[in-house]
Every structure is written in structure tokens, then in C-alpha cells.
Amino acid sequence: PIVPDIPGFGRSDFRGKMWSIRNAAKDMALLLEHLSIGRVVVVGISMGGVIALQLALDYPKKTEKLILINTFACLRPKHLNEMVYLISRFAIANLRGIHYQSHMVAQRLFPKAEQAELRQELIDRILASDPKVYKVAMRSLGMFNARARLSSIAVPTLVISGAEDTTVAVKNQMELVRGIAGAKHIIVEE
């Protein structure tokens, strides 16, 4: 398996002029070209799932199968608590900075005492990203909307949702299942 860091995240520098979901998917397609790899099973979680979705939409000949984990076609909140979380996450990224936001996100995703190690791992990963790219990525995720193009995906697709996902509601993830013909859905309890 190939597990690339998205430009500006992890150990991958961002050298472009404008970061976007579409450009990140293009970079993944270029990586496959560079490595002389044809069709692949594309797996993405959260933002990585959005980029995987964009890759499948823009480069269908590169995608053999698609696995989308706790991700979305459009992040428009359906409930007040979702809206408050997303607005606060965007505001904190822009006003308080990535350090503060990393702790907020990690606490929300891993709230239990026994999840301290997972919280710290997530904090470390967020802090390894380019702060400017992170802000742009948060804005790009909020603006992303692939609903109208989902029906063009013609590869076997599996959508995996965490029943207790606190960042992307399962109802929101169901749009992927309804929009992609033949998509299978698994909900992982707890």
C-alpha cells in the first residue's frame, strides 16, 4: 500500500500557490503517474476521504474501488450543534491557531480518559501540518460540494461510518450511499 501525506500535511511540504481539494487529488493522480501505477483501491478517512472522492470524480481511470470512511459529499450541517462545531472549528483555526484547534478536535474525537494516547497522536499529526495550509483546508472542506457529481462514480464503493462520529453525522455520510449507485454502507458501532 501507498500512504502518501497530502501536500502541507505530515512530512509533505506544500510548494504550490493555492491549496485546494481538487489540487490535492491532482497531486495524488500525479504521484500514481510518477510511480507508474494504474488503477488503485483508494481509501480515505475524513478529509482524506474527500480527497479520495475528488480523485474518483476527476480521475475515474485511476480508481478501481473507493472506500470512504467518516467522510462526506457536502459538509453543510443539518443540526444546530453540527453548525456550532463547524463554525467554531473554522473560527478557532483562524483566530486561535492550529495548536488550540488540535486540542479541541482531539478532545471531541477521543473524549474518554483511556483514549489519551489517541488524542495525543491526533494532536501531533495536526501540529505537523503547515498552519497556513490547514486553515485553507478547513475552508475548502466547508465549501466542498460533490453532491451533483456522485452519480458519475461507477466503481464499487464502500462507505464506512462510525456510529458515534462527532464530526460528520451518519445522516450526512448517507448522502454518499444514496448518491453513488451500488454503494455499500457499514456502520461501526461504538
N, C-alpha and C. Protein backbone atom coordinates (compact mmCIF):
# COMPACT_ATOMS: atom_id res chain seq x y z
N PRO A 1 0.83 -1.21 0.00
CA PRO A 1 0.00 0.00 0.00
C PRO A 1 0.86 1.27 0.00
N ILE A 2 0.34 2.27 -0.60
CA ILE A 2 0.99 3.58 -0.61
C ILE A 2 0.14 4.48 0.28
N VAL A 3 0.79 5.14 1.25
CA VAL A 3 0.09 6.01 2.19
C VAL A 3 0.75 7.39 2.12
N PRO A 4 0.36 8.19 1.13
CA PRO A 4 1.01 9.50 0.97
C PRO A 4 0.47 10.53 1.95
N ASP A 5 1.33 11.44 2.34
CA ASP A 5 0.88 12.62 3.06
C ASP A 5 0.35 13.60 2.01
N ILE A 6 -0.76 14.22 2.30
CA ILE A 6 -1.32 15.25 1.43
C ILE A 6 -0.39 16.46 1.51
N PRO A 7 -0.15 17.17 0.40
CA PRO A 7 0.72 18.34 0.46
C PRO A 7 0.33 19.31 1.58
N GLY A 8 1.31 19.65 2.41
CA GLY A 8 1.08 20.55 3.54
C GLY A 8 0.76 19.83 4.83
N PHE A 9 0.65 18.51 4.78
CA PHE A 9 0.32 17.71 5.96
C PHE A 9 1.40 16.66 6.18
N GLY A 10 1.58 16.27 7.45
CA GLY A 10 2.60 15.27 7.76
C GLY A 10 3.97 15.76 7.36
N ARG A 11 4.70 14.93 6.63
CA ARG A 11 6.06 15.30 6.22
C ARG A 11 6.11 15.80 4.78
N SER A 12 4.95 16.11 4.21
CA SER A 12 4.88 16.56 2.83
C SER A 12 4.74 18.08 2.79
N ASP A 13 5.73 18.73 2.22
CA ASP A 13 5.68 20.19 2.09
C ASP A 13 4.67 20.60 1.02
N PHE A 14 4.15 21.80 1.17
CA PHE A 14 3.29 22.37 0.14
C PHE A 14 4.10 23.41 -0.59
N ARG A 15 4.30 23.22 -1.88
CA ARG A 15 5.12 24.13 -2.67
C ARG A 15 4.31 24.87 -3.71
N GLY A 16 3.01 24.65 -3.72
CA GLY A 16 2.16 25.30 -4.72
C GLY A 16 1.76 26.69 -4.32
N LYS A 17 0.93 27.29 -5.15
CA LYS A 17 0.45 28.63 -4.87
C LYS A 17 -0.89 28.61 -4.17
N MET A 18 -1.73 27.60 -4.49
CA MET A 18 -3.06 27.58 -3.90
C MET A 18 -3.43 26.14 -3.55
N TRP A 19 -3.66 25.89 -2.27
CA TRP A 19 -4.07 24.57 -1.83
C TRP A 19 -5.57 24.43 -2.03
N SER A 20 -6.01 23.29 -2.53
CA SER A 20 -7.43 23.00 -2.68
C SER A 20 -7.64 21.50 -2.67
N ILE A 21 -8.86 21.07 -2.45
CA ILE A 21 -9.21 19.66 -2.52
C ILE A 21 -8.88 19.13 -3.92
N ARG A 22 -9.29 19.86 -4.92
CA ARG A 22 -9.05 19.44 -6.31
C ARG A 22 -7.55 19.32 -6.60
N ASN A 23 -6.75 20.27 -6.13
CA ASN A 23 -5.30 20.20 -6.36
C ASN A 23 -4.66 19.06 -5.58
N ALA A 24 -5.16 18.77 -4.38
CA ALA A 24 -4.64 17.64 -3.61
C ALA A 24 -4.93 16.33 -4.34
N ALA A 25 -6.13 16.19 -4.92
CA ALA A 25 -6.47 15.00 -5.69
C ALA A 25 -5.59 14.90 -6.94
N LYS A 26 -5.34 16.04 -7.56
CA LYS A 26 -4.46 16.06 -8.74
C LYS A 26 -3.06 15.60 -8.36
N ASP A 27 -2.57 16.06 -7.20
CA ASP A 27 -1.25 15.64 -6.74
C ASP A 27 -1.20 14.13 -6.53
N MET A 28 -2.29 13.54 -6.02
CA MET A 28 -2.34 12.10 -5.82
C MET A 28 -2.32 11.38 -7.18
N ALA A 29 -3.04 11.91 -8.16
CA ALA A 29 -3.04 11.33 -9.50
C ALA A 29 -1.64 11.42 -10.12
N LEU A 30 -0.97 12.56 -9.92
CA LEU A 30 0.39 12.72 -10.44
C LEU A 30 1.36 11.76 -9.76
N LEU A 31 1.16 11.51 -8.48
CA LEU A 31 2.00 10.55 -7.76
C LEU A 31 1.83 9.15 -8.37
N LEU A 32 0.60 8.76 -8.65
CA LEU A 32 0.36 7.46 -9.28
C LEU A 32 1.02 7.38 -10.65
N GLU A 33 0.93 8.47 -11.41
CA GLU A 33 1.60 8.52 -12.72
C GLU A 33 3.11 8.37 -12.55
N HIS A 34 3.66 9.12 -11.61
CA HIS A 34 5.12 9.10 -11.37
C HIS A 34 5.59 7.69 -10.99
N LEU A 35 4.77 6.99 -10.23
CA LEU A 35 5.13 5.64 -9.78
C LEU A 35 4.70 4.57 -10.79
N SER A 36 4.16 4.99 -11.94
CA SER A 36 3.68 4.08 -12.99
C SER A 36 2.67 3.07 -12.46
N ILE A 37 1.75 3.57 -11.65
CA ILE A 37 0.70 2.74 -11.08
C ILE A 37 -0.60 3.07 -11.80
N GLY A 38 -1.29 2.03 -12.22
CA GLY A 38 -2.56 2.21 -12.93
C GLY A 38 -3.70 2.43 -11.96
N ARG A 39 -4.72 1.61 -12.06
CA ARG A 39 -5.91 1.73 -11.21
C ARG A 39 -5.62 1.24 -9.80
N VAL A 40 -6.18 1.93 -8.83
CA VAL A 40 -5.93 1.59 -7.43
C VAL A 40 -7.23 1.58 -6.62
N VAL A 41 -7.17 0.89 -5.50
CA VAL A 41 -8.23 0.99 -4.50
C VAL A 41 -7.87 2.22 -3.67
N VAL A 42 -8.74 3.19 -3.66
CA VAL A 42 -8.49 4.46 -2.97
C VAL A 42 -9.26 4.45 -1.66
N VAL A 43 -8.53 4.67 -0.57
CA VAL A 43 -9.11 4.69 0.77
C VAL A 43 -8.83 6.05 1.39
N GLY A 44 -9.85 6.67 1.98
CA GLY A 44 -9.64 7.95 2.64
C GLY A 44 -10.57 8.10 3.83
N ILE A 45 -10.03 8.70 4.88
CA ILE A 45 -10.82 8.96 6.08
C ILE A 45 -10.92 10.48 6.28
N SER A 46 -12.10 10.94 6.59
CA SER A 46 -12.37 12.35 6.85
C SER A 46 -11.92 13.20 5.66
N MET A 47 -10.99 14.14 5.86
CA MET A 47 -10.53 14.96 4.75
C MET A 47 -9.89 14.10 3.66
N GLY A 48 -9.19 13.05 4.05
CA GLY A 48 -8.62 12.14 3.06
C GLY A 48 -9.70 11.48 2.23
N GLY A 49 -10.87 11.25 2.83
CA GLY A 49 -11.99 10.70 2.09
C GLY A 49 -12.54 11.68 1.08
N VAL A 50 -12.55 12.95 1.43
CA VAL A 50 -13.00 13.98 0.49
C VAL A 50 -12.04 14.03 -0.70
N ILE A 51 -10.75 13.95 -0.41
CA ILE A 51 -9.75 13.96 -1.49
C ILE A 51 -9.87 12.68 -2.33
N ALA A 52 -10.12 11.54 -1.68
CA ALA A 52 -10.34 10.29 -2.42
C ALA A 52 -11.56 10.41 -3.32
N LEU A 53 -12.62 11.01 -2.82
CA LEU A 53 -13.83 11.23 -3.60
C LEU A 53 -13.52 12.12 -4.81
N GLN A 54 -12.78 13.19 -4.59
CA GLN A 54 -12.41 14.10 -5.69
C GLN A 54 -11.55 13.37 -6.71
N LEU A 55 -10.64 12.51 -6.25
CA LEU A 55 -9.80 11.73 -7.15
C LEU A 55 -10.67 10.83 -8.03
N ALA A 56 -11.65 10.15 -7.42
CA ALA A 56 -12.54 9.27 -8.18
C ALA A 56 -13.37 10.06 -9.19
N LEU A 57 -13.76 11.27 -8.84
CA LEU A 57 -14.56 12.10 -9.75
C LEU A 57 -13.72 12.65 -10.90
N ASP A 58 -12.53 13.13 -10.59
CA ASP A 58 -11.70 13.79 -11.62
C ASP A 58 -10.81 12.82 -12.40
N TYR A 59 -10.48 11.68 -11.81
CA TYR A 59 -9.58 10.71 -12.43
C TYR A 59 -10.18 9.31 -12.35
N PRO A 60 -11.33 9.09 -12.97
CA PRO A 60 -12.01 7.80 -12.83
C PRO A 60 -11.19 6.62 -13.34
N LYS A 61 -10.30 6.85 -14.28
CA LYS A 61 -9.49 5.75 -14.81
C LYS A 61 -8.38 5.34 -13.84
N LYS A 62 -8.17 6.11 -12.81
CA LYS A 62 -7.17 5.77 -11.79
C LYS A 62 -7.80 5.00 -10.63
N THR A 63 -9.13 5.02 -10.55
CA THR A 63 -9.83 4.46 -9.39
C THR A 63 -10.47 3.13 -9.73
N GLU A 64 -10.04 2.06 -9.05
CA GLU A 64 -10.63 0.74 -9.23
C GLU A 64 -11.77 0.51 -8.25
N LYS A 65 -11.55 0.89 -7.00
CA LYS A 65 -12.56 0.82 -5.95
C LYS A 65 -12.36 2.02 -5.05
N LEU A 66 -13.41 2.34 -4.30
CA LEU A 66 -13.38 3.52 -3.44
C LEU A 66 -13.88 3.15 -2.06
N ILE A 67 -13.11 3.50 -1.03
CA ILE A 67 -13.52 3.27 0.35
C ILE A 67 -13.46 4.62 1.07
N LEU A 68 -14.62 5.07 1.51
CA LEU A 68 -14.75 6.39 2.15
C LEU A 68 -15.15 6.18 3.61
N ILE A 69 -14.31 6.67 4.51
CA ILE A 69 -14.51 6.45 5.94
C ILE A 69 -14.80 7.78 6.63
N ASN A 70 -15.94 7.85 7.31
CA ASN A 70 -16.34 9.05 8.05
C ASN A 70 -16.07 10.31 7.23
N THR A 71 -16.62 10.32 6.04
CA THR A 71 -16.43 11.46 5.15
C THR A 71 -17.77 11.88 4.54
N PHE A 72 -17.74 12.77 3.57
CA PHE A 72 -18.97 13.41 3.11
C PHE A 72 -18.86 13.90 1.69
N ALA A 73 -20.01 14.13 1.08
CA ALA A 73 -20.08 14.79 -0.23
C ALA A 73 -20.24 16.29 -0.06
N CYS A 74 -20.85 16.68 1.05
CA CYS A 74 -21.08 18.08 1.36
C CYS A 74 -21.23 18.20 2.87
N LEU A 75 -20.54 19.12 3.47
CA LEU A 75 -20.49 19.20 4.93
C LEU A 75 -21.51 20.17 5.51
N ARG A 76 -22.49 20.57 4.73
CA ARG A 76 -23.48 21.50 5.26
C ARG A 76 -24.18 20.88 6.46
N PRO A 77 -24.09 21.50 7.63
CA PRO A 77 -24.69 20.92 8.83
C PRO A 77 -26.22 20.86 8.75
N LYS A 78 -26.75 19.81 9.35
CA LYS A 78 -28.20 19.63 9.35
C LYS A 78 -28.81 19.95 10.72
N HIS A 79 -27.98 20.10 11.73
CA HIS A 79 -28.45 20.38 13.08
C HIS A 79 -27.63 21.53 13.67
N LEU A 80 -28.20 22.22 14.62
CA LEU A 80 -27.56 23.37 15.24
C LEU A 80 -26.21 23.00 15.87
N ASN A 81 -26.15 21.87 16.58
CA ASN A 81 -24.90 21.51 17.24
C ASN A 81 -23.79 21.23 16.23
N GLU A 82 -24.12 20.67 15.05
CA GLU A 82 -23.13 20.46 13.99
C GLU A 82 -22.64 21.81 13.46
N MET A 83 -23.58 22.75 13.28
CA MET A 83 -23.22 24.06 12.76
C MET A 83 -22.30 24.79 13.74
N VAL A 84 -22.65 24.74 15.02
CA VAL A 84 -21.83 25.39 16.03
C VAL A 84 -20.42 24.82 16.03
N TYR A 85 -20.30 23.49 15.96
CA TYR A 85 -18.99 22.85 15.96
C TYR A 85 -18.17 23.28 14.76
N LEU A 86 -18.76 23.24 13.57
CA LEU A 86 -18.01 23.58 12.36
C LEU A 86 -17.61 25.05 12.32
N ILE A 87 -18.52 25.92 12.74
CA ILE A 87 -18.19 27.35 12.76
C ILE A 87 -17.09 27.61 13.79
N SER A 88 -17.20 26.99 14.95
CA SER A 88 -16.17 27.21 15.98
C SER A 88 -14.83 26.65 15.53
N ARG A 89 -14.85 25.50 14.84
CA ARG A 89 -13.60 24.92 14.35
C ARG A 89 -12.93 25.84 13.34
N PHE A 90 -13.73 26.40 12.43
CA PHE A 90 -13.19 27.32 11.43
C PHE A 90 -12.67 28.59 12.11
N ALA A 91 -13.45 29.14 13.03
CA ALA A 91 -13.05 30.37 13.71
C ALA A 91 -11.79 30.15 14.54
N ILE A 92 -11.74 29.04 15.25
CA ILE A 92 -10.56 28.77 16.08
C ILE A 92 -9.32 28.60 15.22
N ALA A 93 -9.46 27.92 14.08
CA ALA A 93 -8.31 27.74 13.19
C ALA A 93 -7.77 29.09 12.72
N ASN A 94 -8.67 30.05 12.52
CA ASN A 94 -8.26 31.36 12.02
C ASN A 94 -7.89 32.35 13.11
N LEU A 95 -8.52 32.23 14.28
CA LEU A 95 -8.28 33.21 15.34
C LEU A 95 -7.30 32.72 16.42
N ARG A 96 -7.47 31.50 16.86
CA ARG A 96 -6.65 30.99 17.97
C ARG A 96 -5.45 30.17 17.50
N GLY A 97 -5.52 29.68 16.28
CA GLY A 97 -4.40 28.95 15.73
C GLY A 97 -4.56 27.44 15.80
N ILE A 98 -3.65 26.80 15.11
CA ILE A 98 -3.70 25.36 14.93
C ILE A 98 -3.47 24.60 16.24
N HIS A 99 -2.63 25.14 17.12
CA HIS A 99 -2.33 24.44 18.38
C HIS A 99 -3.60 24.29 19.21
N TYR A 100 -4.33 25.37 19.38
CA TYR A 100 -5.56 25.34 20.15
C TYR A 100 -6.59 24.42 19.49
N GLN A 101 -6.71 24.54 18.17
CA GLN A 101 -7.69 23.73 17.47
C GLN A 101 -7.36 22.25 17.54
N SER A 102 -6.09 21.90 17.49
CA SER A 102 -5.71 20.49 17.54
C SER A 102 -6.21 19.84 18.83
N HIS A 103 -6.12 20.57 19.93
CA HIS A 103 -6.60 20.04 21.21
C HIS A 103 -8.13 19.93 21.23
N MET A 104 -8.81 20.91 20.66
CA MET A 104 -10.27 20.87 20.61
C MET A 104 -10.77 19.68 19.78
N VAL A 105 -10.18 19.49 18.60
CA VAL A 105 -10.59 18.40 17.72
C VAL A 105 -10.28 17.05 18.37
N ALA A 106 -9.09 16.92 18.95
CA ALA A 106 -8.71 15.65 19.57
C ALA A 106 -9.62 15.30 20.74
N GLN A 107 -9.98 16.30 21.53
CA GLN A 107 -10.88 16.05 22.66
C GLN A 107 -12.26 15.62 22.18
N ARG A 108 -12.71 16.21 21.09
CA ARG A 108 -14.03 15.85 20.57
C ARG A 108 -14.03 14.43 19.99
N LEU A 109 -12.96 14.07 19.28
CA LEU A 109 -12.90 12.75 18.66
C LEU A 109 -12.59 11.64 19.66
N PHE A 110 -11.78 11.96 20.66
CA PHE A 110 -11.37 10.95 21.63
C PHE A 110 -11.61 11.47 23.05
N PRO A 111 -12.87 11.51 23.49
CA PRO A 111 -13.21 12.15 24.76
C PRO A 111 -12.95 11.31 26.01
N LYS A 112 -12.76 10.01 25.85
CA LYS A 112 -12.64 9.13 27.01
C LYS A 112 -11.23 9.17 27.59
N ALA A 113 -11.16 8.99 28.91
CA ALA A 113 -9.86 9.03 29.60
C ALA A 113 -8.88 8.02 29.01
N GLU A 114 -9.37 6.84 28.69
CA GLU A 114 -8.50 5.78 28.16
C GLU A 114 -8.05 6.05 26.72
N GLN A 115 -8.51 7.13 26.13
CA GLN A 115 -8.12 7.49 24.76
C GLN A 115 -7.04 8.57 24.71
N ALA A 116 -6.38 8.81 25.81
CA ALA A 116 -5.36 9.87 25.88
C ALA A 116 -4.27 9.69 24.83
N GLU A 117 -3.85 8.47 24.61
CA GLU A 117 -2.79 8.21 23.63
C GLU A 117 -3.26 8.55 22.21
N LEU A 118 -4.50 8.21 21.91
CA LEU A 118 -5.07 8.55 20.60
C LEU A 118 -5.21 10.07 20.44
N ARG A 119 -5.64 10.74 21.50
CA ARG A 119 -5.74 12.21 21.47
C ARG A 119 -4.39 12.82 21.14
N GLN A 120 -3.36 12.36 21.83
CA GLN A 120 -2.02 12.94 21.62
C GLN A 120 -1.51 12.66 20.21
N GLU A 121 -1.78 11.47 19.70
CA GLU A 121 -1.36 11.13 18.33
C GLU A 121 -2.04 12.07 17.32
N LEU A 122 -3.32 12.33 17.50
CA LEU A 122 -4.03 13.23 16.61
C LEU A 122 -3.48 14.66 16.72
N ILE A 123 -3.25 15.11 17.93
CA ILE A 123 -2.67 16.45 18.13
C ILE A 123 -1.34 16.56 17.41
N ASP A 124 -0.50 15.56 17.57
CA ASP A 124 0.82 15.57 16.92
C ASP A 124 0.68 15.62 15.40
N ARG A 125 -0.28 14.87 14.86
CA ARG A 125 -0.47 14.86 13.40
C ARG A 125 -0.98 16.21 12.89
N ILE A 126 -1.92 16.80 13.61
CA ILE A 126 -2.43 18.12 13.20
C ILE A 126 -1.31 19.15 13.27
N LEU A 127 -0.53 19.12 14.35
CA LEU A 127 0.54 20.11 14.50
C LEU A 127 1.67 19.92 13.49
N ALA A 128 1.76 18.75 12.88
CA ALA A 128 2.78 18.51 11.86
C ALA A 128 2.40 19.16 10.52
N SER A 129 1.18 19.64 10.41
CA SER A 129 0.75 20.25 9.15
C SER A 129 1.18 21.71 9.07
N ASP A 130 1.23 22.20 7.87
CA ASP A 130 1.54 23.61 7.62
C ASP A 130 0.34 24.43 8.10
N PRO A 131 0.51 25.34 9.06
CA PRO A 131 -0.63 26.09 9.61
C PRO A 131 -1.43 26.86 8.56
N LYS A 132 -0.75 27.41 7.57
CA LYS A 132 -1.47 28.15 6.52
C LYS A 132 -2.30 27.20 5.67
N VAL A 133 -1.73 26.06 5.33
CA VAL A 133 -2.45 25.07 4.54
C VAL A 133 -3.63 24.53 5.35
N TYR A 134 -3.44 24.32 6.65
CA TYR A 134 -4.51 23.80 7.50
C TYR A 134 -5.72 24.73 7.48
N LYS A 135 -5.48 26.03 7.57
CA LYS A 135 -6.58 27.00 7.52
C LYS A 135 -7.32 26.93 6.20
N VAL A 136 -6.56 26.88 5.12
CA VAL A 136 -7.17 26.81 3.78
C VAL A 136 -7.94 25.49 3.63
N ALA A 137 -7.37 24.40 4.16
CA ALA A 137 -8.04 23.10 4.07
C ALA A 137 -9.38 23.12 4.81
N MET A 138 -9.41 23.74 5.98
CA MET A 138 -10.67 23.82 6.73
C MET A 138 -11.73 24.59 5.94
N ARG A 139 -11.30 25.67 5.31
CA ARG A 139 -12.22 26.46 4.48
C ARG A 139 -12.67 25.64 3.27
N SER A 140 -11.73 24.93 2.64
CA SER A 140 -12.05 24.11 1.46
C SER A 140 -13.04 23.01 1.79
N LEU A 141 -12.89 22.40 2.96
CA LEU A 141 -13.82 21.35 3.38
C LEU A 141 -15.22 21.92 3.57
N GLY A 142 -15.28 23.11 4.14
CA GLY A 142 -16.58 23.75 4.35
C GLY A 142 -17.27 24.12 3.05
N MET A 143 -16.50 24.38 2.03
CA MET A 143 -17.06 24.78 0.73
C MET A 143 -17.29 23.59 -0.21
N PHE A 144 -16.71 22.45 0.12
CA PHE A 144 -16.77 21.29 -0.77
C PHE A 144 -18.21 20.82 -0.96
N ASN A 145 -18.57 20.55 -2.21
CA ASN A 145 -19.90 20.02 -2.50
C ASN A 145 -19.84 19.20 -3.78
N ALA A 146 -19.86 17.88 -3.61
CA ALA A 146 -19.81 16.96 -4.75
C ALA A 146 -21.13 16.25 -4.97
N ARG A 147 -22.18 16.69 -4.30
CA ARG A 147 -23.48 16.01 -4.40
C ARG A 147 -23.92 15.78 -5.84
N ALA A 148 -23.82 16.81 -6.67
CA ALA A 148 -24.33 16.73 -8.05
C ALA A 148 -23.53 15.76 -8.91
N ARG A 149 -22.33 15.41 -8.49
CA ARG A 149 -21.47 14.55 -9.32
C ARG A 149 -21.39 13.11 -8.82
N LEU A 150 -22.02 12.81 -7.69
CA LEU A 150 -21.90 11.47 -7.12
C LEU A 150 -22.36 10.38 -8.08
N SER A 151 -23.40 10.64 -8.84
CA SER A 151 -23.93 9.62 -9.74
C SER A 151 -22.95 9.25 -10.86
N SER A 152 -21.92 10.03 -11.07
CA SER A 152 -20.93 9.71 -12.11
C SER A 152 -19.89 8.69 -11.64
N ILE A 153 -19.88 8.38 -10.36
CA ILE A 153 -18.93 7.39 -9.85
C ILE A 153 -19.45 6.00 -10.20
N ALA A 154 -18.62 5.25 -10.95
CA ALA A 154 -19.06 3.95 -11.45
C ALA A 154 -18.15 2.82 -10.98
N VAL A 155 -17.53 2.98 -9.83
CA VAL A 155 -16.68 1.92 -9.29
C VAL A 155 -17.30 1.41 -7.99
N PRO A 156 -17.00 0.16 -7.62
CA PRO A 156 -17.51 -0.34 -6.35
C PRO A 156 -17.07 0.59 -5.21
N THR A 157 -18.02 0.98 -4.38
CA THR A 157 -17.76 1.95 -3.32
C THR A 157 -18.28 1.42 -2.00
N LEU A 158 -17.45 1.55 -0.98
CA LEU A 158 -17.83 1.19 0.38
C LEU A 158 -17.74 2.45 1.24
N VAL A 159 -18.81 2.75 1.94
CA VAL A 159 -18.84 3.88 2.87
C VAL A 159 -18.85 3.28 4.28
N ILE A 160 -17.89 3.68 5.09
CA ILE A 160 -17.79 3.20 6.47
C ILE A 160 -18.02 4.38 7.40
N SER A 161 -18.98 4.22 8.31
CA SER A 161 -19.32 5.29 9.25
C SER A 161 -19.15 4.78 10.67
N GLY A 162 -18.62 5.62 11.53
CA GLY A 162 -18.61 5.34 12.95
C GLY A 162 -19.94 5.79 13.52
N ALA A 163 -20.63 4.91 14.22
CA ALA A 163 -21.95 5.25 14.75
C ALA A 163 -21.91 6.47 15.65
N GLU A 164 -20.78 6.70 16.29
CA GLU A 164 -20.66 7.82 17.22
C GLU A 164 -19.76 8.93 16.68
N ASP A 165 -19.61 8.98 15.36
CA ASP A 165 -18.80 10.03 14.74
C ASP A 165 -19.35 11.39 15.16
N THR A 166 -18.50 12.22 15.73
CA THR A 166 -18.94 13.53 16.22
C THR A 166 -18.57 14.67 15.28
N THR A 167 -17.93 14.35 14.15
CA THR A 167 -17.57 15.43 13.24
C THR A 167 -18.41 15.41 11.97
N VAL A 168 -18.74 14.23 11.47
CA VAL A 168 -19.58 14.12 10.29
C VAL A 168 -20.72 13.17 10.66
N ALA A 169 -21.91 13.70 10.76
CA ALA A 169 -23.06 12.89 11.15
C ALA A 169 -23.29 11.75 10.16
N VAL A 170 -23.72 10.61 10.68
CA VAL A 170 -24.01 9.45 9.82
C VAL A 170 -25.03 9.83 8.75
N LYS A 171 -26.03 10.64 9.11
CA LYS A 171 -27.02 11.08 8.13
C LYS A 171 -26.34 11.79 6.95
N ASN A 172 -25.32 12.57 7.25
CA ASN A 172 -24.58 13.28 6.21
C ASN A 172 -23.81 12.29 5.34
N GLN A 173 -23.25 11.27 5.97
CA GLN A 173 -22.50 10.26 5.22
C GLN A 173 -23.41 9.42 4.34
N MET A 174 -24.68 9.32 4.72
CA MET A 174 -25.66 8.56 3.94
C MET A 174 -25.86 9.16 2.54
N GLU A 175 -25.58 10.45 2.38
CA GLU A 175 -25.69 11.07 1.05
C GLU A 175 -24.78 10.36 0.05
N LEU A 176 -23.63 9.91 0.52
CA LEU A 176 -22.71 9.18 -0.35
C LEU A 176 -23.35 7.87 -0.81
N VAL A 177 -23.96 7.18 0.13
CA VAL A 177 -24.58 5.89 -0.16
C VAL A 177 -25.74 6.06 -1.13
N ARG A 178 -26.55 7.07 -0.92
CA ARG A 178 -27.70 7.32 -1.80
C ARG A 178 -27.25 7.84 -3.17
N GLY A 179 -26.17 8.59 -3.21
CA GLY A 179 -25.75 9.23 -4.46
C GLY A 179 -24.88 8.39 -5.37
N ILE A 180 -24.17 7.40 -4.82
CA ILE A 180 -23.28 6.56 -5.62
C ILE A 180 -23.97 5.22 -5.87
N ALA A 181 -24.28 4.94 -7.11
CA ALA A 181 -25.01 3.71 -7.46
C ALA A 181 -24.28 2.48 -6.94
N GLY A 182 -25.02 1.63 -6.22
CA GLY A 182 -24.48 0.38 -5.73
C GLY A 182 -23.57 0.49 -4.52
N ALA A 183 -23.41 1.68 -3.96
CA ALA A 183 -22.53 1.85 -2.80
C ALA A 183 -23.04 1.03 -1.63
N LYS A 184 -22.10 0.40 -0.94
CA LYS A 184 -22.41 -0.37 0.26
C LYS A 184 -22.09 0.49 1.46
N HIS A 185 -22.79 0.24 2.57
CA HIS A 185 -22.59 1.05 3.79
C HIS A 185 -22.43 0.14 4.98
N ILE A 186 -21.41 0.42 5.77
CA ILE A 186 -21.18 -0.29 7.03
C ILE A 186 -21.13 0.76 8.13
N ILE A 187 -21.89 0.53 9.18
CA ILE A 187 -21.83 1.40 10.36
C ILE A 187 -21.14 0.61 11.47
N VAL A 188 -20.05 1.16 11.96
CA VAL A 188 -19.29 0.51 13.04
C VAL A 188 -19.79 1.07 14.36
N GLU A 189 -20.33 0.21 15.19
CA GLU A 189 -20.85 0.63 16.49
C GLU A 189 -19.70 1.02 17.43
N GLU A 190 -20.01 1.89 18.39
CA GLU A 190 -19.06 2.37 19.41
C GLU A 190 -17.81 2.95 18.81
